Amino acid sequence: MILPRSGLGHKHGVVLGNLVGLIDSDYQGQLMVSVWNRGQQSFIIEPGERIAQMVFVPVVQAEFNLVESFDATDRGEGGFGHSGRK
């Protein structure tokens, strides 16, 4: 994942174009980062300046079991916001 550096956004209004970059696990090409200046002042990015940070996240290859039915739970089919209700 490519994430923004918080200081650029808070101090200068400079953010990543897509906010978070998710890279496919099998991607082999060059990485590029688009940057937007949402601030009121011009901002010059110098060569070698840190504008983003990369975080390596393990990829889980999950296997699913197809079932015909399953036991009901207290939560039931409640959607968003139902998991914390009592």
PDB file of N, CA and C in Angstrom:
ATOM      1  N   MET A   1       0.845  -1.171   0.000  1.00  0.00           N
ATOM      2  CA  MET A   1       0.000   0.000   0.000  1.00  0.00           C
ATOM      3  C   MET A   1       0.891   1.235   0.000  1.00  0.00           C
ATOM      4  N   ILE A   2       0.462   2.247  -0.703  1.00  0.00           N
ATOM      5  CA  ILE A   2       1.144   3.534  -0.673  1.00  0.00           C
ATOM      6  C   ILE A   2       0.227   4.501   0.063  1.00  0.00           C
ATOM      7  N   LEU A   3       0.763   5.119   1.100  1.00  0.00           N
ATOM      8  CA  LEU A   3      -0.010   6.012   1.958  1.00  0.00           C
ATOM      9  C   LEU A   3       0.613   7.400   1.958  1.00  0.00           C
ATOM     10  N   PRO A   4      -0.183   8.425   2.278  1.00  0.00           N
ATOM     11  CA  PRO A   4       0.362   9.779   2.327  1.00  0.00           C
ATOM     12  C   PRO A   4       1.228   9.988   3.562  1.00  0.00           C
ATOM     13  N   ARG A   5       2.087  10.974   3.502  1.00  0.00           N
ATOM     14  CA  ARG A   5       2.812  11.422   4.684  1.00  0.00           C
ATOM     15  C   ARG A   5       1.962  12.523   5.304  1.00  0.00           C
ATOM     16  N   SER A   6       1.630  12.370   6.554  1.00  0.00           N
ATOM     17  CA  SER A   6       0.652  13.262   7.189  1.00  0.00           C
ATOM     18  C   SER A   6       1.091  14.718   7.214  1.00  0.00           C
ATOM     19  N   GLY A   7       2.374  14.989   7.341  1.00  0.00           N
ATOM     20  CA  GLY A   7       2.844  16.367   7.420  1.00  0.00           C
ATOM     21  C   GLY A   7       2.541  17.177   6.178  1.00  0.00           C
ATOM     22  N   LEU A   8       2.647  16.569   5.000  1.00  0.00           N
ATOM     23  CA  LEU A   8       2.373  17.308   3.767  1.00  0.00           C
ATOM     24  C   LEU A   8       0.923  17.761   3.703  1.00  0.00           C
ATOM     25  N   GLY A   9       0.016  16.900   4.100  1.00  0.00           N
ATOM     26  CA  GLY A   9      -1.398  17.259   4.070  1.00  0.00           C
ATOM     27  C   GLY A   9      -1.753  18.308   5.110  1.00  0.00           C
ATOM     28  N   HIS A  10      -1.273  18.120   6.322  1.00  0.00           N
ATOM     29  CA  HIS A  10      -1.625  19.042   7.409  1.00  0.00           C
ATOM     30  C   HIS A  10      -0.957  20.400   7.257  1.00  0.00           C
ATOM     31  N   LYS A  11       0.292  20.420   6.865  1.00  0.00           N
ATOM     32  CA  LYS A  11       1.033  21.682   6.791  1.00  0.00           C
ATOM     33  C   LYS A  11       0.853  22.421   5.475  1.00  0.00           C
ATOM     34  N   HIS A  12       0.702  21.677   4.361  1.00  0.00           N
ATOM     35  CA  HIS A  12       0.722  22.313   3.043  1.00  0.00           C
ATOM     36  C   HIS A  12      -0.502  22.024   2.183  1.00  0.00           C
ATOM     37  N   GLY A  13      -1.373  21.111   2.594  1.00  0.00           N
ATOM     38  CA  GLY A  13      -2.538  20.771   1.783  1.00  0.00           C
ATOM     39  C   GLY A  13      -2.206  19.867   0.611  1.00  0.00           C
ATOM     40  N   VAL A  14      -1.051  19.211   0.653  1.00  0.00           N
ATOM     41  CA  VAL A  14      -0.625  18.326  -0.430  1.00  0.00           C
ATOM     42  C   VAL A  14      -1.038  16.901  -0.079  1.00  0.00           C
ATOM     43  N   VAL A  15      -1.837  16.278  -0.953  1.00  0.00           N
ATOM     44  CA  VAL A  15      -2.362  14.933  -0.695  1.00  0.00           C
ATOM     45  C   VAL A  15      -2.109  14.039  -1.906  1.00  0.00           C
ATOM     46  N   LEU A  16      -2.195  12.728  -1.686  1.00  0.00           N
ATOM     47  CA  LEU A  16      -2.072  11.794  -2.803  1.00  0.00           C
ATOM     48  C   LEU A  16      -3.326  11.864  -3.661  1.00  0.00           C
ATOM     49  N   GLY A  17      -3.164  11.721  -4.964  1.00  0.00           N
ATOM     50  CA  GLY A  17      -4.276  11.835  -5.900  1.00  0.00           C
ATOM     51  C   GLY A  17      -5.405  10.861  -5.638  1.00  0.00           C
ATOM     52  N   ASN A  18      -5.080   9.644  -5.250  1.00  0.00           N
ATOM     53  CA  ASN A  18      -6.131   8.667  -4.976  1.00  0.00           C
ATOM     54  C   ASN A  18      -6.205   8.330  -3.489  1.00  0.00           C
ATOM     55  N   LEU A  19      -5.592   9.144  -2.650  1.00  0.00           N
ATOM     56  CA  LEU A  19      -5.588   9.047  -1.187  1.00  0.00           C
ATOM     57  C   LEU A  19      -4.833   7.834  -0.673  1.00  0.00           C
ATOM     58  N   VAL A  20      -5.115   6.650  -1.165  1.00  0.00           N
ATOM     59  CA  VAL A  20      -4.382   5.438  -0.796  1.00  0.00           C
ATOM     60  C   VAL A  20      -4.141   4.640  -2.073  1.00  0.00           C
ATOM     61  N   GLY A  21      -2.924   4.162  -2.246  1.00  0.00           N
ATOM     62  CA  GLY A  21      -2.617   3.345  -3.416  1.00  0.00           C
ATOM     63  C   GLY A  21      -2.508   1.884  -3.028  1.00  0.00           C
ATOM     64  N   LEU A  22      -3.361   1.063  -3.596  1.00  0.00           N
ATOM     65  CA  LEU A  22      -3.324  -0.372  -3.334  1.00  0.00           C
ATOM     66  C   LEU A  22      -2.692  -1.055  -4.542  1.00  0.00           C
ATOM     67  N   ILE A  23      -1.588  -1.747  -4.314  1.00  0.00           N
ATOM     68  CA  ILE A  23      -0.830  -2.367  -5.394  1.00  0.00           C
ATOM     69  C   ILE A  23      -1.133  -3.857  -5.420  1.00  0.00           C
ATOM     70  N   ASP A  24      -1.484  -4.386  -6.572  1.00  0.00           N
ATOM     71  CA  ASP A  24      -1.743  -5.824  -6.704  1.00  0.00           C
ATOM     72  C   ASP A  24      -0.499  -6.617  -6.321  1.00  0.00           C
ATOM     73  N   SER A  25      -0.695  -7.754  -5.680  1.00  0.00           N
ATOM     74  CA  SER A  25       0.425  -8.553  -5.183  1.00  0.00           C
ATOM     75  C   SER A  25       1.325  -9.078  -6.297  1.00  0.00           C
ATOM     76  N   ASP A  26       0.816  -9.177  -7.518  1.00  0.00           N
ATOM     77  CA  ASP A  26       1.631  -9.688  -8.618  1.00  0.00           C
ATOM     78  C   ASP A  26       2.121  -8.586  -9.560  1.00  0.00           C
ATOM     79  N   TYR A  27       1.956  -7.317  -9.183  1.00  0.00           N
ATOM     80  CA  TYR A  27       2.393  -6.197 -10.020  1.00  0.00           C
ATOM     81  C   TYR A  27       3.916  -6.124 -10.036  1.00  0.00           C
ATOM     82  N   GLN A  28       4.498  -5.897 -11.221  1.00  0.00           N
ATOM     83  CA  GLN A  28       5.951  -5.871 -11.339  1.00  0.00           C
ATOM     84  C   GLN A  28       6.489  -4.587 -11.958  1.00  0.00           C
ATOM     85  N   GLY A  29       5.644  -3.638 -12.271  1.00  0.00           N
ATOM     86  CA  GLY A  29       6.091  -2.426 -12.951  1.00  0.00           C
ATOM     87  C   GLY A  29       6.582  -1.346 -12.007  1.00  0.00           C
ATOM     88  N   GLN A  30       6.888  -0.206 -12.595  1.00  0.00           N
ATOM     89  CA  GLN A  30       7.349   0.952 -11.846  1.00  0.00           C
ATOM     90  C   GLN A  30       6.191   1.533 -11.043  1.00  0.00           C
ATOM     91  N   LEU A  31       6.472   2.002  -9.832  1.00  0.00           N
ATOM     92  CA  LEU A  31       5.447   2.640  -9.007  1.00  0.00           C
ATOM     93  C   LEU A  31       5.502   4.145  -9.222  1.00  0.00           C
ATOM     94  N   MET A  32       4.342   4.755  -9.371  1.00  0.00           N
ATOM     95  CA  MET A  32       4.251   6.204  -9.511  1.00  0.00           C
ATOM     96  C   MET A  32       3.186   6.720  -8.556  1.00  0.00           C
ATOM     97  N   VAL A  33       3.365   7.937  -8.105  1.00  0.00           N
ATOM     98  CA  VAL A  33       2.444   8.542  -7.147  1.00  0.00           C
ATOM     99  C   VAL A  33       1.968   9.871  -7.718  1.00  0.00           C
ATOM    100  N   SER A  34       0.654  10.072  -7.786  1.00  0.00           N
ATOM    101  CA  SER A  34       0.127  11.377  -8.190  1.00  0.00           C
ATOM    102  C   SER A  34      -0.134  12.199  -6.932  1.00  0.00           C
ATOM    103  N   VAL A  35       0.126  13.485  -7.024  1.00  0.00           N
ATOM    104  CA  VAL A  35       0.008  14.374  -5.868  1.00  0.00           C
ATOM    105  C   VAL A  35      -0.856  15.564  -6.251  1.00  0.00           C
ATOM    106  N   TRP A  36      -1.760  15.925  -5.364  1.00  0.00           N
ATOM    107  CA  TRP A  36      -2.610  17.097  -5.564  1.00  0.00           C
ATOM    108  C   TRP A  36      -2.265  18.146  -4.517  1.00  0.00           C
ATOM    109  N   ASN A  37      -2.219  19.386  -4.947  1.00  0.00           N
ATOM    110  CA  ASN A  37      -2.016  20.492  -4.014  1.00  0.00           C
ATOM    111  C   ASN A  37      -3.372  21.134  -3.761  1.00  0.00           C
ATOM    112  N   ARG A  38      -3.939  20.870  -2.605  1.00  0.00           N
ATOM    113  CA  ARG A  38      -5.228  21.461  -2.240  1.00  0.00           C
ATOM    114  C   ARG A  38      -5.054  22.699  -1.370  1.00  0.00           C
ATOM    115  N   GLY A  39      -3.813  23.095  -1.171  1.00  0.00           N
ATOM    116  CA  GLY A  39      -3.525  24.275  -0.369  1.00  0.00           C
ATOM    117  C   GLY A  39      -3.666  25.547  -1.184  1.00  0.00           C
ATOM    118  N   GLN A  40      -3.451  26.679  -0.526  1.00  0.00           N
ATOM    119  CA  GLN A  40      -3.571  27.989  -1.170  1.00  0.00           C
ATOM    120  C   GLN A  40      -2.247  28.477  -1.753  1.00  0.00           C
ATOM    121  N   GLN A  41      -1.129  27.872  -1.342  1.00  0.00           N
ATOM    122  CA  GLN A  41       0.195  28.298  -1.777  1.00  0.00           C
ATOM    123  C   GLN A  41       0.797  27.271  -2.736  1.00  0.00           C
ATOM    124  N   SER A  42       1.680  27.738  -3.603  1.00  0.00           N
ATOM    125  CA  SER A  42       2.427  26.825  -4.470  1.00  0.00           C
ATOM    126  C   SER A  42       3.312  25.943  -3.604  1.00  0.00           C
ATOM    127  N   PHE A  43       3.557  24.733  -4.057  1.00  0.00           N
ATOM    128  CA  PHE A  43       4.414  23.808  -3.315  1.00  0.00           C
ATOM    129  C   PHE A  43       5.306  23.094  -4.316  1.00  0.00           C
ATOM    130  N   ILE A  44       6.602  23.185  -4.127  1.00  0.00           N
ATOM    131  CA  ILE A  44       7.560  22.566  -5.038  1.00  0.00           C
ATOM    132  C   ILE A  44       8.089  21.290  -4.396  1.00  0.00           C
ATOM    133  N   ILE A  45       8.007  20.196  -5.136  1.00  0.00           N
ATOM    134  CA  ILE A  45       8.555  18.924  -4.671  1.00  0.00           C
ATOM    135  C   ILE A  45       9.936  18.770  -5.296  1.00  0.00           C
ATOM    136  N   GLU A  46      10.939  18.717  -4.449  1.00  0.00           N
ATOM    137  CA  GLU A  46      12.317  18.590  -4.905  1.00  0.00           C
ATOM    138  C   GLU A  46      12.662  17.113  -5.123  1.00  0.00           C
ATOM    139  N   PRO A  47      13.586  16.812  -6.035  1.00  0.00           N
ATOM    140  CA  PRO A  47      14.022  15.422  -6.233  1.00  0.00           C
ATOM    141  C   PRO A  47      14.511  14.811  -4.912  1.00  0.00           C
ATOM    142  N   GLY A  48      14.056  13.600  -4.634  1.00  0.00           N
ATOM    143  CA  GLY A  48      14.449  12.911  -3.404  1.00  0.00           C
ATOM    144  C   GLY A  48      13.601  13.242  -2.198  1.00  0.00           C
ATOM    145  N   GLU A  49      12.681  14.190  -2.338  1.00  0.00           N
ATOM    146  CA  GLU A  49      11.817  14.550  -1.208  1.00  0.00           C
ATOM    147  C   GLU A  49      10.803  13.440  -0.955  1.00  0.00           C
ATOM    148  N   ARG A  50      10.519  13.183   0.300  1.00  0.00           N
ATOM    149  CA  ARG A  50       9.584  12.116   0.670  1.00  0.00           C
ATOM    150  C   ARG A  50       8.152  12.640   0.587  1.00  0.00           C
ATOM    151  N   ILE A  51       7.362  12.049  -0.305  1.00  0.00           N
ATOM    152  CA  ILE A  51       5.977  12.495  -0.484  1.00  0.00           C
ATOM    153  C   ILE A  51       4.964  11.418  -0.123  1.00  0.00           C
ATOM    154  N   ALA A  52       5.422  10.180   0.057  1.00  0.00           N
ATOM    155  CA  ALA A  52       4.521   9.071   0.365  1.00  0.00           C
ATOM    156  C   ALA A  52       5.305   8.023   1.145  1.00  0.00           C
ATOM    157  N   GLN A  53       4.591   7.051   1.666  1.00  0.00           N
ATOM    158  CA  GLN A  53       5.233   5.947   2.378  1.00  0.00           C
ATOM    159  C   GLN A  53       4.585   4.639   1.961  1.00  0.00           C
ATOM    160  N   MET A  54       5.396   3.593   1.922  1.00  0.00           N
ATOM    161  CA  MET A  54       4.900   2.290   1.503  1.00  0.00           C
ATOM    162  C   MET A  54       4.818   1.363   2.708  1.00  0.00           C
ATOM    163  N   VAL A  55       3.725   0.634   2.783  1.00  0.00           N
ATOM    164  CA  VAL A  55       3.520  -0.353   3.838  1.00  0.00           C
ATOM    165  C   VAL A  55       3.298  -1.698   3.155  1.00  0.00           C
ATOM    166  N   PHE A  56       4.058  -2.697   3.568  1.00  0.00           N
ATOM    167  CA  PHE A  56       3.902  -4.039   3.012  1.00  0.00           C
ATOM    168  C   PHE A  56       2.903  -4.812   3.859  1.00  0.00           C
ATOM    169  N   VAL A  57       1.855  -5.302   3.226  1.00  0.00           N
ATOM    170  CA  VAL A  57       0.784  -6.017   3.918  1.00  0.00           C
ATOM    171  C   VAL A  57       0.765  -7.456   3.409  1.00  0.00           C
ATOM    172  N   PRO A  58       0.809  -8.436   4.316  1.00  0.00           N
ATOM    173  CA  PRO A  58       0.756  -9.831   3.859  1.00  0.00           C
ATOM    174  C   PRO A  58      -0.545 -10.118   3.107  1.00  0.00           C
ATOM    175  N   VAL A  59      -0.448 -10.963   2.100  1.00  0.00           N
ATOM    176  CA  VAL A  59      -1.617 -11.347   1.318  1.00  0.00           C
ATOM    177  C   VAL A  59      -2.072 -12.727   1.775  1.00  0.00           C
ATOM    178  N   VAL A  60      -3.325 -12.833   2.159  1.00  0.00           N
ATOM    179  CA  VAL A  60      -3.891 -14.109   2.600  1.00  0.00           C
ATOM    180  C   VAL A  60      -4.626 -14.748   1.425  1.00  0.00           C
ATOM    181  N   GLN A  61      -4.300 -15.964   1.121  1.00  0.00           N
ATOM    182  CA  GLN A  61      -4.993 -16.707   0.075  1.00  0.00           C
ATOM    183  C   GLN A  61      -6.042 -17.576   0.769  1.00  0.00           C
ATOM    184  N   ALA A  62      -7.221 -17.028   0.945  1.00  0.00           N
ATOM    185  CA  ALA A  62      -8.285 -17.715   1.692  1.00  0.00           C
ATOM    186  C   ALA A  62      -8.959 -18.783   0.837  1.00  0.00           C
ATOM    187  N   GLU A  63      -9.411 -19.822   1.507  1.00  0.00           N
ATOM    188  CA  GLU A  63     -10.212 -20.854   0.857  1.00  0.00           C
ATOM    189  C   GLU A  63     -11.586 -20.853   1.515  1.00  0.00           C
ATOM    190  N   PHE A  64     -12.620 -20.914   0.718  1.00  0.00           N
ATOM    191  CA  PHE A  64     -13.983 -20.861   1.223  1.00  0.00           C
ATOM    192  C   PHE A  64     -14.657 -22.218   1.074  1.00  0.00           C
ATOM    193  N   ASN A  65     -15.531 -22.523   2.021  1.00  0.00           N
ATOM    194  CA  ASN A  65     -16.336 -23.738   1.959  1.00  0.00           C
ATOM    195  C   ASN A  65     -17.764 -23.350   1.596  1.00  0.00           C
ATOM    196  N   LEU A  66     -18.283 -23.885   0.536  1.00  0.00           N
ATOM    197  CA  LEU A  66     -19.653 -23.629   0.118  1.00  0.00           C
ATOM    198  C   LEU A  66     -20.580 -24.522   0.936  1.00  0.00           C
ATOM    199  N   VAL A  67     -21.583 -23.906   1.584  1.00  0.00           N
ATOM    200  CA  VAL A  67     -22.527 -24.668   2.407  1.00  0.00           C
ATOM    201  C   VAL A  67     -23.948 -24.435   1.902  1.00  0.00           C
ATOM    202  N   GLU A  68     -24.817 -25.370   2.185  1.00  0.00           N
ATOM    203  CA  GLU A  68     -26.221 -25.250   1.795  1.00  0.00           C
ATOM    204  C   GLU A  68     -26.996 -24.395   2.790  1.00  0.00           C
ATOM    205  N   SER A  69     -26.625 -24.469   4.075  1.00  0.00           N
ATOM    206  CA  SER A  69     -27.303 -23.685   5.116  1.00  0.00           C
ATOM    207  C   SER A  69     -26.365 -23.548   6.307  1.00  0.00           C
ATOM    208  N   PHE A  70     -26.739 -22.670   7.242  1.00  0.00           N
ATOM    209  CA  PHE A  70     -25.951 -22.500   8.454  1.00  0.00           C
ATOM    210  C   PHE A  70     -26.873 -22.051   9.578  1.00  0.00           C
ATOM    211  N   ASP A  71     -26.403 -22.178  10.818  1.00  0.00           N
ATOM    212  CA  ASP A  71     -27.208 -21.823  11.984  1.00  0.00           C
ATOM    213  C   ASP A  71     -27.360 -20.314  12.102  1.00  0.00           C
ATOM    214  N   ALA A  72     -28.553 -19.857  12.499  1.00  0.00           N
ATOM    215  CA  ALA A  72     -28.814 -18.431  12.692  1.00  0.00           C
ATOM    216  C   ALA A  72     -28.045 -17.926  13.912  1.00  0.00           C
ATOM    217  N   THR A  73     -27.700 -16.632  13.898  1.00  0.00           N
ATOM    218  CA  THR A  73     -27.014 -16.001  15.029  1.00  0.00           C
ATOM    219  C   THR A  73     -27.899 -14.920  15.616  1.00  0.00           C
ATOM    220  N   ASP A  74     -27.504 -14.373  16.775  1.00  0.00           N
ATOM    221  CA  ASP A  74     -28.259 -13.279  17.387  1.00  0.00           C
ATOM    222  C   ASP A  74     -28.282 -12.051  16.482  1.00  0.00           C
ATOM    223  N   ARG A  75     -27.206 -11.801  15.776  1.00  0.00           N
ATOM    224  CA  ARG A  75     -27.139 -10.647  14.889  1.00  0.00           C
ATOM    225  C   ARG A  75     -28.094 -10.808  13.714  1.00  0.00           C
ATOM    226  N   GLY A  76     -28.235 -12.000  13.224  1.00  0.00           N
ATOM    227  CA  GLY A  76     -29.121 -12.227  12.087  1.00  0.00           C
ATOM    228  C   GLY A  76     -28.594 -11.591  10.822  1.00  0.00           C
ATOM    229  N   GLU A  77     -29.473 -10.987  10.044  1.00  0.00           N
ATOM    230  CA  GLU A  77     -29.101 -10.383   8.770  1.00  0.00           C
ATOM    231  C   GLU A  77     -28.962  -8.876   8.869  1.00  0.00           C
ATOM    232  N   GLY A  78     -28.860  -8.334  10.088  1.00  0.00           N
ATOM    233  CA  GLY A  78     -28.716  -6.887  10.263  1.00  0.00           C
ATOM    234  C   GLY A  78     -27.505  -6.361   9.510  1.00  0.00           C
ATOM    235  N   GLY A  79     -27.660  -5.229   8.882  1.00  0.00           N
ATOM    236  CA  GLY A  79     -26.585  -4.647   8.071  1.00  0.00           C
ATOM    237  C   GLY A  79     -25.697  -3.714   8.859  1.00  0.00           C
ATOM    238  N   PHE A  80     -25.318  -2.613   8.247  1.00  0.00           N
ATOM    239  CA  PHE A  80     -24.410  -1.652   8.860  1.00  0.00           C
ATOM    240  C   PHE A  80     -24.943  -1.166  10.199  1.00  0.00           C
ATOM    241  N   GLY A  81     -24.063  -1.133  11.203  1.00  0.00           N
ATOM    242  CA  GLY A  81     -24.427  -0.601  12.510  1.00  0.00           C
ATOM    243  C   GLY A  81     -25.113  -1.574  13.436  1.00  0.00           C
ATOM    244  N   HIS A  82     -25.302  -2.819  13.036  1.00  0.00           N
ATOM    245  CA  HIS A  82     -26.010  -3.777  13.879  1.00  0.00           C
ATOM    246  C   HIS A  82     -25.092  -4.608  14.764  1.00  0.00           C
ATOM    247  N   SER A  83     -23.812  -4.647  14.476  1.00  0.00           N
ATOM    248  CA  SER A  83     -22.931  -5.541  15.238  1.00  0.00           C
ATOM    249  C   SER A  83     -22.701  -5.057  16.663  1.00  0.00           C
ATOM    250  N   GLY A  84     -22.882  -3.766  16.944  1.00  0.00           N
ATOM    251  CA  GLY A  84     -22.628  -3.250  18.285  1.00  0.00           C
ATOM    252  C   GLY A  84     -23.873  -3.063  19.125  1.00  0.00           C
ATOM    253  N   ARG A  85     -25.030  -3.372  18.603  1.00  0.00           N
ATOM    254  CA  ARG A  85     -26.287  -3.179  19.348  1.00  0.00           C
ATOM    255  C   ARG A  85     -26.552  -4.332  20.287  1.00  0.00           C
ATOM    256  N   LYS A  86     -27.180  -4.002  21.406  1.00  0.00           N
ATOM    257  CA  LYS A  86     -27.545  -5.040  22.386  1.00  0.00           C
ATOM    258  C   LYS A  86     -29.026  -5.032  22.612  1.00  0.00           C
TER     259      LYS A  86
END
